Amino acid sequence: MSHPAGRTGIAGNGAEASLGQLVASATTEMSALVHDEIALAKAQLRQDVKRGAISGMGFLAAGMVLLFSLPMLSFALAYGFRAWTGWHMSVCFLLSFAVNVVVAGLLALVGAVFAKKAKRGKGPQKTAASVKRTAAVLQNVKPHPRPGSSAVQEKAAAVARSSV
């Protein structure tokens, strides 16, 4: 047995929903679509911000390692190179400095990789383009004629004439 809600009430044509219910359904679905698109844009923004933060932390770590490790590691490496090779102390200190610069360069490279990923991330732009495509499709939508809708249109026209 069919439920009376959502039906036109016309004999033999009880499977069609009323125009108001169709509009309400379309409005609800559009609202849900817009909310989902906004949620997607927020998620993509969060991901881009996270990548940018990781990039900044990589650069910060590179700077901190270079700054704090130079005095301690330079002495340790220089004396280690001196014991290992027997070279002059000035050469050993230059070699230990070069090792520290290489380590800082590697950390900066990690930061640069994450910075490129954050820059490439065009999450919100993709979502905005998707919303525009959805709106363009919906603007070009035309209602399909329903079989047996002439009886509905005649009844609607009679109601419109009687209310004037």
Protein backbone atom coordinates (compact mmCIF):
# COMPACT_ATOMS: atom_id res chain seq x y z
CA MET A 1 0.00 0.00 0.00
CA SER A 2 1.38 3.40 -0.88
CA HIS A 3 1.77 6.23 1.55
CA PRO A 4 -0.33 9.31 0.69
CA ALA A 5 2.49 11.75 1.45
CA GLY A 6 4.53 12.64 -1.60
CA ARG A 7 1.79 11.80 -4.11
CA THR A 8 -0.17 14.07 -6.38
CA GLY A 9 -3.49 12.55 -5.49
CA ILE A 10 -4.55 12.22 -9.11
CA ALA A 11 -6.27 8.95 -9.86
CA GLY A 12 -4.01 6.54 -11.73
CA ASN A 13 -1.00 8.80 -11.31
CA GLY A 14 -0.13 8.28 -7.63
CA ALA A 15 3.58 7.55 -8.21
CA GLU A 16 4.63 11.17 -8.79
CA ALA A 17 5.75 13.47 -5.98
CA SER A 18 4.28 16.92 -5.72
CA LEU A 19 6.19 19.87 -7.12
CA GLY A 20 6.74 21.28 -3.64
CA GLN A 21 8.23 18.01 -2.44
CA LEU A 22 10.49 17.83 -5.47
CA VAL A 23 11.70 21.39 -4.89
CA ALA A 24 12.24 20.66 -1.19
CA SER A 25 14.18 17.52 -2.04
CA ALA A 26 16.32 19.35 -4.60
CA THR A 27 16.98 22.16 -2.13
CA THR A 28 17.99 19.71 0.58
CA GLU A 29 20.32 17.87 -1.78
CA MET A 30 21.89 21.14 -3.01
CA SER A 31 22.40 22.26 0.57
CA ALA A 32 24.07 18.95 1.43
CA LEU A 33 26.25 19.24 -1.69
CA VAL A 34 27.38 22.75 -0.79
CA HIS A 35 28.14 21.70 2.81
CA ASP A 36 30.17 18.73 1.54
CA GLU A 37 32.10 20.95 -0.87
CA ILE A 38 32.91 23.37 1.98
CA ALA A 39 34.05 20.50 4.19
CA LEU A 40 36.28 19.25 1.37
CA ALA A 41 37.82 22.71 0.91
CA LYS A 42 38.52 22.91 4.65
CA ALA A 43 40.17 19.49 4.66
CA GLN A 44 42.35 20.41 1.70
CA LEU A 45 43.34 23.70 3.33
CA ARG A 46 44.30 21.84 6.52
CA GLN A 47 46.51 19.51 4.50
CA ASP A 48 48.24 22.42 2.74
CA VAL A 49 48.79 24.25 6.04
CA LYS A 50 50.21 21.08 7.58
CA ARG A 51 52.68 20.70 4.70
CA GLY A 52 53.70 24.33 5.07
CA ALA A 53 54.24 23.88 8.81
CA ILE A 54 56.38 20.79 8.24
CA SER A 55 58.39 22.75 5.68
CA GLY A 56 58.94 25.58 8.13
CA MET A 57 59.95 23.14 10.84
CA GLY A 58 62.47 21.55 8.46
CA PHE A 59 64.07 24.91 7.75
CA LEU A 60 64.04 25.78 11.44
CA ALA A 61 65.65 22.46 12.34
CA ALA A 62 68.34 23.02 9.69
CA GLY A 63 69.15 26.42 11.15
CA MET A 64 69.17 25.16 14.70
CA VAL A 65 71.45 22.24 13.86
CA LEU A 66 73.85 24.52 12.06
CA LEU A 67 73.85 27.04 14.87
CA PHE A 68 74.13 24.79 17.90
CA SER A 69 76.23 22.02 16.46
CA LEU A 70 79.02 24.12 15.07
CA PRO A 71 80.85 24.84 18.32
CA MET A 72 80.51 21.38 19.84
CA LEU A 73 80.73 19.20 16.75
CA SER A 74 83.48 21.25 15.19
CA PHE A 75 85.80 20.62 18.08
CA ALA A 76 84.88 16.95 18.35
CA LEU A 77 85.25 16.32 14.63
CA ALA A 78 88.44 18.34 14.33
CA TYR A 79 90.13 16.42 17.12
CA GLY A 80 88.78 13.17 15.71
CA PHE A 81 90.15 13.95 12.23
CA ARG A 82 93.48 14.95 13.80
CA ALA A 83 93.72 11.63 15.62
CA TRP A 84 92.63 9.66 12.55
CA THR A 85 94.70 11.41 9.85
CA GLY A 86 97.46 13.30 11.63
CA TRP A 87 96.71 16.45 9.57
CA HIS A 88 97.22 19.98 10.80
CA MET A 89 94.49 21.21 13.22
CA SER A 90 93.31 24.02 10.89
CA VAL A 91 92.55 21.51 8.11
CA CYS A 92 90.72 19.29 10.59
CA PHE A 93 88.56 22.21 11.75
CA LEU A 94 87.71 23.14 8.14
CA LEU A 95 86.75 19.54 7.44
CA SER A 96 84.50 19.39 10.52
CA PHE A 97 82.81 22.63 9.43
CA ALA A 98 82.17 21.14 5.98
CA VAL A 99 80.49 18.10 7.55
CA ASN A 100 78.19 20.40 9.58
CA VAL A 101 77.26 22.37 6.47
CA VAL A 102 76.41 19.15 4.59
CA VAL A 103 74.11 18.01 7.42
CA ALA A 104 72.37 21.40 7.49
CA GLY A 105 72.03 21.29 3.69
CA LEU A 106 70.32 17.89 3.88
CA LEU A 107 67.86 19.20 6.46
CA ALA A 108 67.17 22.26 4.29
CA LEU A 109 66.55 19.92 1.34
CA VAL A 110 63.92 18.07 3.37
CA GLY A 111 62.28 21.42 4.14
CA ALA A 112 62.37 22.42 0.47
CA VAL A 113 60.67 19.18 -0.58
CA PHE A 114 57.80 19.77 1.83
CA ALA A 115 57.59 23.44 0.74
CA LYS A 116 57.13 22.36 -2.89
CA LYS A 117 54.41 19.91 -1.87
CA ALA A 118 52.61 22.65 0.05
CA LYS A 119 52.94 25.06 -2.88
CA ARG A 120 51.68 22.44 -5.35
CA GLY A 121 48.67 21.62 -3.22
CA LYS A 122 45.74 23.33 -4.92
CA GLY A 123 43.03 21.71 -2.85
CA PRO A 124 40.73 24.73 -2.42
CA GLN A 125 41.13 25.70 -6.07
CA LYS A 126 40.03 22.20 -7.14
CA THR A 127 37.01 22.39 -4.88
CA ALA A 128 36.06 25.84 -6.15
CA ALA A 129 36.26 24.58 -9.73
CA SER A 130 34.06 21.62 -8.79
CA VAL A 131 31.47 23.95 -7.26
CA LYS A 132 31.49 26.10 -10.41
CA ARG A 133 30.99 23.02 -12.61
CA THR A 134 28.10 21.87 -10.42
CA ALA A 135 26.48 25.31 -10.61
CA ALA A 136 26.92 25.42 -14.40
CA VAL A 137 25.29 22.02 -14.79
CA LEU A 138 22.38 23.00 -12.57
CA GLN A 139 21.79 26.24 -14.49
CA ASN A 140 21.34 24.32 -17.74
CA VAL A 141 18.97 21.73 -16.31
CA LYS A 142 15.50 21.73 -17.82
CA PRO A 143 12.62 19.78 -16.32
CA HIS A 144 11.67 16.63 -18.17
CA PRO A 145 8.03 16.35 -19.26
CA ARG A 146 6.26 13.65 -17.31
CA PRO A 147 3.80 11.29 -18.95
CA GLY A 148 0.26 12.17 -17.99
CA SER A 149 1.32 15.62 -16.78
CA SER A 150 -1.27 17.31 -19.00
CA ALA A 151 -3.97 16.38 -16.47
CA VAL A 152 -1.90 17.95 -13.70
CA GLN A 153 -1.30 21.08 -15.79
CA GLU A 154 -5.02 21.37 -16.61
CA LYS A 155 -5.92 21.05 -12.94
CA ALA A 156 -3.25 23.64 -11.99
CA ALA A 157 -4.54 26.00 -14.70
CA ALA A 158 -8.10 25.60 -13.38
CA VAL A 159 -6.92 26.42 -9.86
CA ALA A 160 -4.97 29.42 -11.16
CA ARG A 161 -8.04 30.73 -13.05
CA SER A 162 -10.26 30.31 -10.03
CA SER A 163 -7.88 32.18 -7.75
CA VAL A 164 -7.61 35.23 -10.04
